[in-house]
PDB file of N, CA and C in Angstrom:
ATOM      1  N   UNK A   1     123.854  38.176  90.155  1.00  0.00           N
ATOM      2  CA  UNK A   1     124.887  37.202  90.536  1.00  0.00           C
ATOM      3  C   UNK A   1     124.266  35.837  90.807  1.00  0.00           C
ATOM      4  N   UNK A   2     123.665  35.284  89.844  1.00  0.00           N
ATOM      5  CA  UNK A   2     122.980  34.007  90.039  1.00  0.00           C
ATOM      6  C   UNK A   2     123.955  32.837  90.074  1.00  0.00           C
ATOM      7  N   UNK A   3     124.967  32.842  89.216  1.00  0.00           N
ATOM      8  CA  UNK A   3     125.833  31.663  89.065  1.00  0.00           C
ATOM      9  C   UNK A   3     127.254  31.881  89.572  1.00  0.00           C
ATOM     10  N   UNK A   4     127.596  33.060  90.012  1.00  0.00           N
ATOM     11  CA  UNK A   4     128.958  33.359  90.468  1.00  0.00           C
ATOM     12  C   UNK A   4     129.390  32.394  91.556  1.00  0.00           C
ATOM     13  N   UNK A   5     130.563  31.806  91.366  1.00  0.00           N
ATOM     14  CA  UNK A   5     131.181  30.893  92.325  1.00  0.00           C
ATOM     15  C   UNK A   5     130.366  29.652  92.587  1.00  0.00           C
ATOM     16  N   UNK A   6     129.736  29.134  91.572  1.00  0.00           N
ATOM     17  CA  UNK A   6     128.982  27.888  91.685  1.00  0.00           C
ATOM     18  C   UNK A   6     129.424  26.919  90.617  1.00  0.00           C
ATOM     19  N   UNK A   7     129.308  25.652  90.912  1.00  0.00           N
ATOM     20  CA  UNK A   7     129.583  24.613  89.921  1.00  0.00           C
ATOM     21  C   UNK A   7     128.247  24.240  89.305  1.00  0.00           C
ATOM     22  N   UNK A   8     128.155  24.447  88.013  1.00  0.00           N
ATOM     23  CA  UNK A   8     126.901  24.182  87.312  1.00  0.00           C
ATOM     24  C   UNK A   8     127.189  23.444  86.008  1.00  0.00           C
ATOM     25  N   UNK A   9     126.192  22.860  85.460  1.00  0.00           N
ATOM     26  CA  UNK A   9     126.282  22.230  84.151  1.00  0.00           C
ATOM     27  C   UNK A   9     125.454  23.045  83.172  1.00  0.00           C
ATOM     28  N   UNK A  10     126.105  23.523  82.144  1.00  0.00           N
ATOM     29  CA  UNK A  10     125.355  24.303  81.143  1.00  0.00           C
ATOM     30  C   UNK A  10     124.292  23.453  80.465  1.00  0.00           C
ATOM     31  N   UNK A  11     124.460  22.132  80.454  1.00  0.00           N
ATOM     32  CA  UNK A  11     123.457  21.250  79.839  1.00  0.00           C
ATOM     33  C   UNK A  11     122.127  21.291  80.617  1.00  0.00           C
ATOM     34  N   UNK A  12     122.220  21.485  81.916  1.00  0.00           N
ATOM     35  CA  UNK A  12     121.028  21.386  82.764  1.00  0.00           C
ATOM     36  C   UNK A  12     120.354  22.698  83.046  1.00  0.00           C
ATOM     37  N   UNK A  13     120.923  23.808  82.580  1.00  0.00           N
ATOM     38  CA  UNK A  13     120.367  25.115  82.861  1.00  0.00           C
ATOM     39  C   UNK A  13     120.237  25.932  81.606  1.00  0.00           C
ATOM     40  N   UNK A  14     119.242  26.789  81.582  1.00  0.00           N
ATOM     41  CA  UNK A  14     119.118  27.790  80.529  1.00  0.00           C
ATOM     42  C   UNK A  14     119.890  29.023  80.992  1.00  0.00           C
ATOM     43  N   UNK A  15     121.114  29.141  80.572  1.00  0.00           N
ATOM     44  CA  UNK A  15     121.956  30.239  81.038  1.00  0.00           C
ATOM     45  C   UNK A  15     122.014  31.298  79.933  1.00  0.00           C
ATOM     46  N   UNK A  16     121.126  32.250  80.055  1.00  0.00           N
ATOM     47  CA  UNK A  16     121.070  33.302  79.058  1.00  0.00           C
ATOM     48  C   UNK A  16     121.809  34.561  79.521  1.00  0.00           C
ATOM     49  N   UNK A  17     121.848  34.768  80.818  1.00  0.00           N
ATOM     50  CA  UNK A  17     122.519  35.951  81.394  1.00  0.00           C
ATOM     51  C   UNK A  17     123.756  35.501  82.142  1.00  0.00           C
ATOM     52  N   UNK A  18     124.847  35.356  81.449  1.00  0.00           N
ATOM     53  CA  UNK A  18     126.107  34.955  82.072  1.00  0.00           C
ATOM     54  C   UNK A  18     126.565  36.091  82.974  1.00  0.00           C
ATOM     55  N   UNK A  19     126.906  35.737  84.222  1.00  0.00           N
ATOM     56  CA  UNK A  19     127.335  36.748  85.190  1.00  0.00           C
ATOM     57  C   UNK A  19     128.757  36.520  85.665  1.00  0.00           C
ATOM     58  N   UNK A  20     129.569  35.898  84.819  1.00  0.00           N
ATOM     59  CA  UNK A  20     130.961  35.643  85.189  1.00  0.00           C
ATOM     60  C   UNK A  20     131.875  36.056  84.045  1.00  0.00           C
ATOM     61  N   UNK A  21     133.145  36.281  84.397  1.00  0.00           N
ATOM     62  CA  UNK A  21     134.151  36.673  83.395  1.00  0.00           C
ATOM     63  C   UNK A  21     134.943  35.463  82.902  1.00  0.00           C
ATOM     64  N   UNK A  22     135.068  34.445  83.706  1.00  0.00           N
ATOM     65  CA  UNK A  22     135.805  33.251  83.304  1.00  0.00           C
ATOM     66  C   UNK A  22     135.158  32.034  83.952  1.00  0.00           C
ATOM     67  N   UNK A  23     135.436  30.879  83.377  1.00  0.00           N
ATOM     68  CA  UNK A  23     134.901  29.630  83.932  1.00  0.00           C
ATOM     69  C   UNK A  23     135.792  28.479  83.483  1.00  0.00           C
ATOM     70  N   UNK A  24     135.616  27.373  84.120  1.00  0.00           N
ATOM     71  CA  UNK A  24     136.310  26.143  83.774  1.00  0.00           C
ATOM     72  C   UNK A  24     135.331  25.210  83.079  1.00  0.00           C
ATOM     73  N   UNK A  25     135.766  24.613  82.025  1.00  0.00           N
ATOM     74  CA  UNK A  25     134.982  23.612  81.338  1.00  0.00           C
ATOM     75  C   UNK A  25     135.461  22.233  81.801  1.00  0.00           C
ATOM     76  N   UNK A  26     135.088  21.894  83.002  1.00  0.00           N
ATOM     77  CA  UNK A  26     135.653  20.733  83.690  1.00  0.00           C
ATOM     78  C   UNK A  26     135.349  19.418  82.992  1.00  0.00           C
ATOM     79  N   UNK A  27     134.219  19.298  82.387  1.00  0.00           N
ATOM     80  CA  UNK A  27     133.834  18.054  81.745  1.00  0.00           C
ATOM     81  C   UNK A  27     134.749  17.717  80.560  1.00  0.00           C
ATOM     82  N   UNK A  28     135.253  18.749  79.884  1.00  0.00           N
ATOM     83  CA  UNK A  28     135.993  18.515  78.660  1.00  0.00           C
ATOM     84  C   UNK A  28     137.521  18.421  78.840  1.00  0.00           C
ATOM     85  N   UNK A  29     138.015  18.689  80.018  1.00  0.00           N
ATOM     86  CA  UNK A  29     139.452  18.594  80.232  1.00  0.00           C
ATOM     87  C   UNK A  29     139.857  17.140  80.402  1.00  0.00           C
ATOM     88  N   UNK A  30     140.937  16.748  79.751  1.00  0.00           N
ATOM     89  CA  UNK A  30     141.378  15.376  79.805  1.00  0.00           C
ATOM     90  C   UNK A  30     141.791  14.969  81.212  1.00  0.00           C
ATOM     91  N   UNK A  31     143.023  15.106  81.550  1.00  0.00           N
ATOM     92  CA  UNK A  31     143.554  14.632  82.845  1.00  0.00           C
ATOM     93  C   UNK A  31     143.191  15.569  84.009  1.00  0.00           C
ATOM     94  N   UNK A  32     143.006  16.837  83.739  1.00  0.00           N
ATOM     95  CA  UNK A  32     142.949  17.852  84.806  1.00  0.00           C
ATOM     96  C   UNK A  32     141.901  17.569  85.861  1.00  0.00           C
ATOM     97  N   UNK A  33     140.705  17.268  85.475  1.00  0.00           N
ATOM     98  CA  UNK A  33     139.628  17.105  86.438  1.00  0.00           C
ATOM     99  C   UNK A  33     139.158  15.655  86.590  1.00  0.00           C
ATOM    100  N   UNK A  34     139.992  14.730  86.220  1.00  0.00           N
ATOM    101  CA  UNK A  34     139.638  13.326  86.464  1.00  0.00           C
ATOM    102  C   UNK A  34     139.524  13.073  87.973  1.00  0.00           C
ATOM    103  N   UNK A  35     140.321  13.814  88.716  1.00  0.00           N
ATOM    104  CA  UNK A  35     140.268  13.701  90.163  1.00  0.00           C
ATOM    105  C   UNK A  35     140.628  15.074  90.706  1.00  0.00           C
ATOM    106  N   UNK A  36     139.877  15.549  91.678  1.00  0.00           N
ATOM    107  CA  UNK A  36     140.170  16.856  92.213  1.00  0.00           C
ATOM    108  C   UNK A  36     139.404  17.129  93.490  1.00  0.00           C
ATOM    109  N   UNK A  37     139.651  18.316  94.035  1.00  0.00           N
ATOM    110  CA  UNK A  37     139.003  18.740  95.272  1.00  0.00           C
ATOM    111  C   UNK A  37     138.491  20.164  95.076  1.00  0.00           C
ATOM    112  N   UNK A  38     137.261  20.393  95.432  1.00  0.00           N
ATOM    113  CA  UNK A  38     136.689  21.726  95.448  1.00  0.00           C
ATOM    114  C   UNK A  38     136.976  22.324  96.806  1.00  0.00           C
ATOM    115  N   UNK A  39     137.657  23.486  96.806  1.00  0.00           N
ATOM    116  CA  UNK A  39     137.956  24.179  98.053  1.00  0.00           C
ATOM    117  C   UNK A  39     136.759  25.057  98.386  1.00  0.00           C
ATOM    118  N   UNK A  40     136.106  24.725  99.487  1.00  0.00           N
ATOM    119  CA  UNK A  40     134.864  25.393  99.872  1.00  0.00           C
ATOM    120  C   UNK A  40     135.174  26.775 100.417  1.00  0.00           C
ATOM    121  N   UNK A  41     135.344  27.719  99.530  1.00  0.00           N
ATOM    122  CA  UNK A  41     135.763  29.078  99.846  1.00  0.00           C
ATOM    123  C   UNK A  41     134.758  30.033  99.228  1.00  0.00           C
ATOM    124  N   UNK A  42     134.236  30.948  99.999  1.00  0.00           N
ATOM    125  CA  UNK A  42     133.229  31.908  99.538  1.00  0.00           C
ATOM    126  C   UNK A  42     132.068  31.210  98.847  1.00  0.00           C
ATOM    127  N   UNK A  43     131.530  30.186  99.513  1.00  0.00           N
ATOM    128  CA  UNK A  43     130.444  29.459  98.874  1.00  0.00           C
ATOM    129  C   UNK A  43     129.126  29.479  99.642  1.00  0.00           C
ATOM    130  N   UNK A  44     129.120  29.867 100.904  1.00  0.00           N
ATOM    131  CA  UNK A  44     127.869  29.854 101.645  1.00  0.00           C
ATOM    132  C   UNK A  44     127.906  30.869 102.793  1.00  0.00           C
ATOM    133  N   UNK A  45     127.433  32.067 102.555  1.00  0.00           N
ATOM    134  CA  UNK A  45     126.835  32.563 101.303  1.00  0.00           C
ATOM    135  C   UNK A  45     127.940  33.047 100.354  1.00  0.00           C
ATOM    136  N   UNK A  46     127.620  33.042  99.093  1.00  0.00           N
ATOM    137  CA  UNK A  46     128.522  33.558  98.073  1.00  0.00           C
ATOM    138  C   UNK A  46     128.474  35.073  98.098  1.00  0.00           C
ATOM    139  N   UNK A  47     129.639  35.708  98.159  1.00  0.00           N
ATOM    140  CA  UNK A  47     129.689  37.158  98.110  1.00  0.00           C
ATOM    141  C   UNK A  47     130.507  37.567  96.920  1.00  0.00           C
ATOM    142  N   UNK A  48     129.889  38.249  96.002  1.00  0.00           N
ATOM    143  CA  UNK A  48     130.538  38.686  94.760  1.00  0.00           C
ATOM    144  C   UNK A  48     131.770  39.522  95.109  1.00  0.00           C
ATOM    145  N   UNK A  49     132.884  39.194  94.453  1.00  0.00           N
ATOM    146  CA  UNK A  49     134.115  39.928  94.645  1.00  0.00           C
ATOM    147  C   UNK A  49     135.013  39.368  95.743  1.00  0.00           C
ATOM    148  N   UNK A  50     134.599  38.337  96.440  1.00  0.00           N
ATOM    149  CA  UNK A  50     135.404  37.756  97.504  1.00  0.00           C
ATOM    150  C   UNK A  50     136.069  36.460  97.076  1.00  0.00           C
ATOM    151  N   UNK A  51     136.254  36.275  95.802  1.00  0.00           N
ATOM    152  CA  UNK A  51     136.935  35.085  95.295  1.00  0.00           C
ATOM    153  C   UNK A  51     135.961  34.054  94.756  1.00  0.00           C
ATOM    154  N   UNK A  52     136.414  33.374  93.734  1.00  0.00           N
ATOM    155  CA  UNK A  52     135.569  32.356  93.150  1.00  0.00           C
ATOM    156  C   UNK A  52     136.199  30.974  93.307  1.00  0.00           C
ATOM    157  N   UNK A  53     135.618  30.001  92.651  1.00  0.00           N
ATOM    158  CA  UNK A  53     135.988  28.599  92.847  1.00  0.00           C
ATOM    159  C   UNK A  53     137.506  28.375  92.785  1.00  0.00           C
ATOM    160  N   UNK A  54     137.973  27.593  93.725  1.00  0.00           N
ATOM    161  CA  UNK A  54     139.367  27.147  93.785  1.00  0.00           C
ATOM    162  C   UNK A  54     139.346  25.638  93.785  1.00  0.00           C
ATOM    163  N   UNK A  55     140.225  25.062  93.004  1.00  0.00           N
ATOM    164  CA  UNK A  55     140.293  23.595  92.925  1.00  0.00           C
ATOM    165  C   UNK A  55     141.713  23.117  93.137  1.00  0.00           C
ATOM    166  N   UNK A  56     141.834  21.943  93.683  1.00  0.00           N
ATOM    167  CA  UNK A  56     143.071  21.161  93.628  1.00  0.00           C
ATOM    168  C   UNK A  56     142.783  20.105  92.552  1.00  0.00           C
ATOM    169  N   UNK A  57     143.679  19.961  91.615  1.00  0.00           N
ATOM    170  CA  UNK A  57     143.420  18.977  90.553  1.00  0.00           C
ATOM    171  C   UNK A  57     144.716  18.487  89.956  1.00  0.00           C
ATOM    172  N   UNK A  58     144.608  17.526  89.076  1.00  0.00           N
ATOM    173  CA  UNK A  58     145.774  16.948  88.409  1.00  0.00           C
ATOM    174  C   UNK A  58     146.442  17.924  87.467  1.00  0.00           C
ATOM    175  N   UNK A  59     147.732  17.710  87.242  1.00  0.00           N
ATOM    176  CA  UNK A  59     148.417  18.418  86.192  1.00  0.00           C
ATOM    177  C   UNK A  59     148.741  17.429  85.078  1.00  0.00           C
ATOM    178  N   UNK A  60     149.043  17.961  83.919  1.00  0.00           N
ATOM    179  CA  UNK A  60     149.492  17.129  82.807  1.00  0.00           C
ATOM    180  C   UNK A  60     151.010  17.011  82.853  1.00  0.00           C
ATOM    181  N   UNK A  61     151.673  18.102  83.261  1.00  0.00           N
ATOM    182  CA  UNK A  61     153.124  18.088  83.464  1.00  0.00           C
ATOM    183  C   UNK A  61     153.499  19.163  84.481  1.00  0.00           C
ATOM    184  N   UNK A  62     154.623  18.996  85.171  1.00  0.00           N
ATOM    185  CA  UNK A  62     154.954  19.920  86.286  1.00  0.00           C
ATOM    186  C   UNK A  62     155.328  21.347  85.862  1.00  0.00           C
ATOM    187  N   UNK A  63     155.502  21.598  84.593  1.00  0.00           N
ATOM    188  CA  UNK A  63     155.880  22.942  84.134  1.00  0.00           C
ATOM    189  C   UNK A  63     154.697  23.808  83.711  1.00  0.00           C
ATOM    190  N   UNK A  64     153.493  23.288  83.871  1.00  0.00           N
ATOM    191  CA  UNK A  64     152.302  24.060  83.495  1.00  0.00           C
ATOM    192  C   UNK A  64     152.008  25.141  84.525  1.00  0.00           C
ATOM    193  N   UNK A  65     151.516  26.249  84.060  1.00  0.00           N
ATOM    194  CA  UNK A  65     151.088  27.322  84.961  1.00  0.00           C
ATOM    195  C   UNK A  65     149.576  27.228  85.118  1.00  0.00           C
ATOM    196  N   UNK A  66     149.108  27.488  86.311  1.00  0.00           N
ATOM    197  CA  UNK A  66     147.673  27.471  86.618  1.00  0.00           C
ATOM    198  C   UNK A  66     147.240  28.877  87.003  1.00  0.00           C
ATOM    199  N   UNK A  67     146.011  29.214  86.730  1.00  0.00           N
ATOM    200  CA  UNK A  67     145.480  30.525  87.086  1.00  0.00           C
ATOM    201  C   UNK A  67     144.492  30.379  88.220  1.00  0.00           C
ATOM    202  N   UNK A  68     144.976  30.293  89.414  1.00  0.00           N
ATOM    203  CA  UNK A  68     144.071  30.219  90.568  1.00  0.00           C
ATOM    204  C   UNK A  68     143.942  28.858  91.215  1.00  0.00           C
ATOM    205  N   UNK A  69     144.189  27.804  90.487  1.00  0.00           N
ATOM    206  CA  UNK A  69     144.073  26.466  91.047  1.00  0.00           C
ATOM    207  C   UNK A  69     145.433  25.974  91.467  1.00  0.00           C
ATOM    208  N   UNK A  70     145.438  24.875  92.195  1.00  0.00           N
ATOM    209  CA  UNK A  70     146.691  24.206  92.550  1.00  0.00           C
ATOM    210  C   UNK A  70     146.667  22.846  91.875  1.00  0.00           C
ATOM    211  N   UNK A  71     147.647  22.617  91.039  1.00  0.00           N
ATOM    212  CA  UNK A  71     147.708  21.361  90.281  1.00  0.00           C
ATOM    213  C   UNK A  71     148.919  20.550  90.751  1.00  0.00           C
ATOM    214  N   UNK A  72     148.802  19.235  90.626  1.00  0.00           N
ATOM    215  CA  UNK A  72     149.869  18.349  91.082  1.00  0.00           C
ATOM    216  C   UNK A  72     149.829  17.044  90.311  1.00  0.00           C
ATOM    217  N   UNK A  73     150.864  16.257  90.550  1.00  0.00           N
ATOM    218  CA  UNK A  73     150.955  14.931  89.923  1.00  0.00           C
ATOM    219  C   UNK A  73     149.704  14.123  90.312  1.00  0.00           C
ATOM    220  N   UNK A  74     149.111  13.394  89.371  1.00  0.00           N
ATOM    221  CA  UNK A  74     147.901  12.643  89.653  1.00  0.00           C
ATOM    222  C   UNK A  74     148.015  11.719  90.870  1.00  0.00           C
ATOM    223  N   UNK A  75     149.191  11.105  91.099  1.00  0.00           N
ATOM    224  CA  UNK A  75     149.344  10.229  92.250  1.00  0.00           C
ATOM    225  C   UNK A  75     149.254  11.014  93.544  1.00  0.00           C
ATOM    226  N   UNK A  76     149.818  12.221  93.597  1.00  0.00           N
ATOM    227  CA  UNK A  76     149.719  13.071  94.762  1.00  0.00           C
ATOM    228  C   UNK A  76     148.275  13.505  94.997  1.00  0.00           C
ATOM    229  N   UNK A  77     147.546  13.769  93.924  1.00  0.00           N
ATOM    230  CA  UNK A  77     146.139  14.115  94.026  1.00  0.00           C
ATOM    231  C   UNK A  77     145.364  12.974  94.642  1.00  0.00           C
ATOM    232  N   UNK A  78     145.650  11.747  94.239  1.00  0.00           N
ATOM    233  CA  UNK A  78     145.000  10.571  94.838  1.00  0.00           C
ATOM    234  C   UNK A  78     145.256  10.490  96.329  1.00  0.00           C
ATOM    235  N   UNK A  79     146.513  10.735  96.711  1.00  0.00           N
ATOM    236  CA  UNK A  79     146.867  10.675  98.132  1.00  0.00           C
ATOM    237  C   UNK A  79     146.078  11.729  98.930  1.00  0.00           C
ATOM    238  N   UNK A  80     145.949  12.922  98.413  1.00  0.00           N
ATOM    239  CA  UNK A  80     145.190  13.968  99.110  1.00  0.00           C
ATOM    240  C   UNK A  80     143.733  13.599  99.223  1.00  0.00           C
ATOM    241  N   UNK A  81     143.137  13.112  98.152  1.00  0.00           N
ATOM    242  CA  UNK A  81     141.708  12.726  98.164  1.00  0.00           C
ATOM    243  C   UNK A  81     141.474  11.608  99.195  1.00  0.00           C
ATOM    244  N   UNK A  82     142.381  10.652  99.251  1.00  0.00           N
ATOM    245  CA  UNK A  82     142.221   9.553 100.230  1.00  0.00           C
ATOM    246  C   UNK A  82     142.402  10.066 101.677  1.00  0.00           C
ATOM    247  N   UNK A  83     143.286  11.043 101.870  1.00  0.00           N
ATOM    248  CA  UNK A  83     143.606  11.562 103.187  1.00  0.00           C
ATOM    249  C   UNK A  83     142.532  12.518 103.738  1.00  0.00           C
ATOM    250  N   UNK A  84     141.936  13.309 102.856  1.00  0.00           N
ATOM    251  CA  UNK A  84     140.964  14.307 103.310  1.00  0.00           C
ATOM    252  C   UNK A  84     139.751  13.645 103.980  1.00  0.00           C
ATOM    253  N   UNK A  85     139.290  14.251 105.048  1.00  0.00           N
ATOM    254  CA  UNK A  85     138.095  13.791 105.763  1.00  0.00           C
ATOM    255  C   UNK A  85     137.225  15.008 106.054  1.00  0.00           C
ATOM    256  N   UNK A  86     136.136  15.147 105.351  1.00  0.00           N
ATOM    257  CA  UNK A  86     135.268  16.314 105.487  1.00  0.00           C
ATOM    258  C   UNK A  86     134.758  16.482 106.920  1.00  0.00           C
ATOM    259  N   UNK A  87     134.603  15.375 107.626  1.00  0.00           N
ATOM    260  CA  UNK A  87     134.119  15.405 109.009  1.00  0.00           C
ATOM    261  C   UNK A  87     135.112  16.121 109.942  1.00  0.00           C
ATOM    262  N   UNK A  88     136.365  16.179 109.552  1.00  0.00           N
ATOM    263  CA  UNK A  88     137.383  16.836 110.377  1.00  0.00           C
ATOM    264  C   UNK A  88     137.535  18.314 110.014  1.00  0.00           C
ATOM    265  N   UNK A  89     136.730  18.809 109.095  1.00  0.00           N
ATOM    266  CA  UNK A  89     136.713  20.224 108.696  1.00  0.00           C
ATOM    267  C   UNK A  89     138.108  20.695 108.304  1.00  0.00           C
ATOM    268  N   UNK A  90     138.681  20.122 107.256  1.00  0.00           N
ATOM    269  CA  UNK A  90     140.041  20.504 106.856  1.00  0.00           C
ATOM    270  C   UNK A  90     140.108  21.965 106.390  1.00  0.00           C
ATOM    271  N   UNK A  91     141.288  22.541 106.568  1.00  0.00           N
ATOM    272  CA  UNK A  91     141.541  23.907 106.153  1.00  0.00           C
ATOM    273  C   UNK A  91     142.746  23.876 105.212  1.00  0.00           C
ATOM    274  N   UNK A  92     142.635  24.540 104.090  1.00  0.00           N
ATOM    275  CA  UNK A  92     143.726  24.633 103.122  1.00  0.00           C
ATOM    276  C   UNK A  92     144.552  25.878 103.428  1.00  0.00           C
ATOM    277  N   UNK A  93     145.838  25.677 103.651  1.00  0.00           N
ATOM    278  CA  UNK A  93     146.774  26.770 103.828  1.00  0.00           C
ATOM    279  C   UNK A  93     147.921  26.517 102.862  1.00  0.00           C
ATOM    280  N   UNK A  94     148.176  27.442 101.962  1.00  0.00           N
ATOM    281  CA  UNK A  94     149.238  27.301 101.001  1.00  0.00           C
ATOM    282  C   UNK A  94     150.308  28.336 101.318  1.00  0.00           C
ATOM    283  N   UNK A  95     151.538  27.862 101.365  1.00  0.00           N
ATOM    284  CA  UNK A  95     152.666  28.731 101.724  1.00  0.00           C
ATOM    285  C   UNK A  95     153.804  28.562 100.714  1.00  0.00           C
ATOM    286  N   UNK A  96     154.618  29.575 100.613  1.00  0.00           N
ATOM    287  CA  UNK A  96     155.872  29.435  99.870  1.00  0.00           C
ATOM    288  C   UNK A  96     156.793  28.512 100.677  1.00  0.00           C
ATOM    289  N   UNK A  97     157.789  27.977 100.025  1.00  0.00           N
ATOM    290  CA  UNK A  97     158.743  27.090 100.719  1.00  0.00           C
ATOM    291  C   UNK A  97     159.369  27.820 101.915  1.00  0.00           C
ATOM    292  N   UNK A  98     159.782  29.052 101.714  1.00  0.00           N
ATOM    293  CA  UNK A  98     160.422  29.843 102.771  1.00  0.00           C
ATOM    294  C   UNK A  98     159.448  30.052 103.958  1.00  0.00           C
ATOM    295  N   UNK A  99     158.193  30.368 103.690  1.00  0.00           N
ATOM    296  CA  UNK A  99     157.232  30.563 104.757  1.00  0.00           C
ATOM    297  C   UNK A  99     156.949  29.260 105.489  1.00  0.00           C
ATOM    298  N   UNK A 100     156.871  28.168 104.742  1.00  0.00           N
ATOM    299  CA  UNK A 100     156.623  26.862 105.359  1.00  0.00           C
ATOM    300  C   UNK A 100     157.754  26.526 106.331  1.00  0.00           C
ATOM    301  N   UNK A 101     158.970  26.698 105.899  1.00  0.00           N
ATOM    302  CA  UNK A 101     160.139  26.399 106.752  1.00  0.00           C
ATOM    303  C   UNK A 101     160.099  27.295 108.000  1.00  0.00           C
ATOM    304  N   UNK A 102     159.704  28.525 107.833  1.00  0.00           N
ATOM    305  CA  UNK A 102     159.722  29.446 108.989  1.00  0.00           C
ATOM    306  C   UNK A 102     158.669  29.072 110.051  1.00  0.00           C
ATOM    307  N   UNK A 103     157.583  28.399 109.688  1.00  0.00           N
ATOM    308  CA  UNK A 103     156.557  28.018 110.663  1.00  0.00           C
ATOM    309  C   UNK A 103     156.525  26.517 110.946  1.00  0.00           C
ATOM    310  N   UNK A 104     157.382  25.761 110.272  1.00  0.00           N
ATOM    311  CA  UNK A 104     157.358  24.301 110.357  1.00  0.00           C
ATOM    312  C   UNK A 104     157.431  23.802 111.810  1.00  0.00           C
ATOM    313  N   UNK A 105     158.378  24.296 112.569  1.00  0.00           N
ATOM    314  CA  UNK A 105     158.549  23.832 113.940  1.00  0.00           C
ATOM    315  C   UNK A 105     157.383  24.285 114.819  1.00  0.00           C
ATOM    316  N   UNK A 106     157.049  25.567 114.732  1.00  0.00           N
ATOM    317  CA  UNK A 106     155.990  26.123 115.571  1.00  0.00           C
ATOM    318  C   UNK A 106     154.644  25.450 115.343  1.00  0.00           C
ATOM    319  N   UNK A 107     154.343  25.136 114.074  1.00  0.00           N
ATOM    320  CA  UNK A 107     153.070  24.498 113.721  1.00  0.00           C
ATOM    321  C   UNK A 107     153.148  22.985 113.746  1.00  0.00           C
ATOM    322  N   UNK A 108     154.318  22.447 114.065  1.00  0.00           N
ATOM    323  CA  UNK A 108     154.556  20.999 114.117  1.00  0.00           C
ATOM    324  C   UNK A 108     154.252  20.329 112.756  1.00  0.00           C
ATOM    325  N   UNK A 109     154.754  20.954 111.701  1.00  0.00           N
ATOM    326  CA  UNK A 109     154.549  20.433 110.348  1.00  0.00           C
ATOM    327  C   UNK A 109     155.635  19.444 109.984  1.00  0.00           C
ATOM    328  N   UNK A 110     155.325  18.482 109.133  1.00  0.00           N
ATOM    329  CA  UNK A 110     156.348  17.523 108.737  1.00  0.00           C
ATOM    330  C   UNK A 110     157.400  18.179 107.819  1.00  0.00           C
ATOM    331  N   UNK A 111     158.591  17.631 107.807  1.00  0.00           N
ATOM    332  CA  UNK A 111     159.630  18.117 106.926  1.00  0.00           C
ATOM    333  C   UNK A 111     159.391  17.511 105.547  1.00  0.00           C
ATOM    334  N   UNK A 112     158.494  18.129 104.790  1.00  0.00           N
ATOM    335  CA  UNK A 112     158.120  17.590 103.477  1.00  0.00           C
ATOM    336  C   UNK A 112     159.270  17.691 102.468  1.00  0.00           C
ATOM    337  N   UNK A 113     160.212  18.545 102.711  1.00  0.00           N
ATOM    338  CA  UNK A 113     161.300  18.756 101.756  1.00  0.00           C
ATOM    339  C   UNK A 113     162.257  17.597 101.731  1.00  0.00           C
ATOM    340  N   UNK A 114     162.250  16.793 102.743  1.00  0.00           N
ATOM    341  CA  UNK A 114     163.115  15.600 102.723  1.00  0.00           C
ATOM    342  C   UNK A 114     162.568  14.531 101.770  1.00  0.00           C
ATOM    343  N   UNK A 115     161.272  14.686 101.390  1.00  0.00           N
ATOM    344  CA  UNK A 115     160.653  13.742 100.463  1.00  0.00           C
ATOM    345  C   UNK A 115     160.829  14.136  98.994  1.00  0.00           C
ATOM    346  N   UNK A 116     161.210  15.361  98.777  1.00  0.00           N
ATOM    347  CA  UNK A 116     161.259  15.872  97.395  1.00  0.00           C
ATOM    348  C   UNK A 116     162.536  15.484  96.706  1.00  0.00           C
TER     349      UNK A 116
END
């Protein structure tokens, strides 16, 4: 498990023993990875089978399906990147709309649905 859950460049490494089933070719994607966030999950130490890289990144259109990542309008991605502060140790929590509404008051979350 040398490369599992790591961001690497195939150009810079001699990767003869691939130890993953899927990967993202981030360099070659047009809009998707022009701006994004790496979610630091299962990365130090990496434990095989406990999940691999998760990204927040741009979408090309709102009807696209993603397999494991969270994609959004490029302007929203810019807002998140500007807002994030690594020094504050942010935590990513993703909820369904129904779950969000159910904890909104208790967690003192903003009413984001009024903006949609």
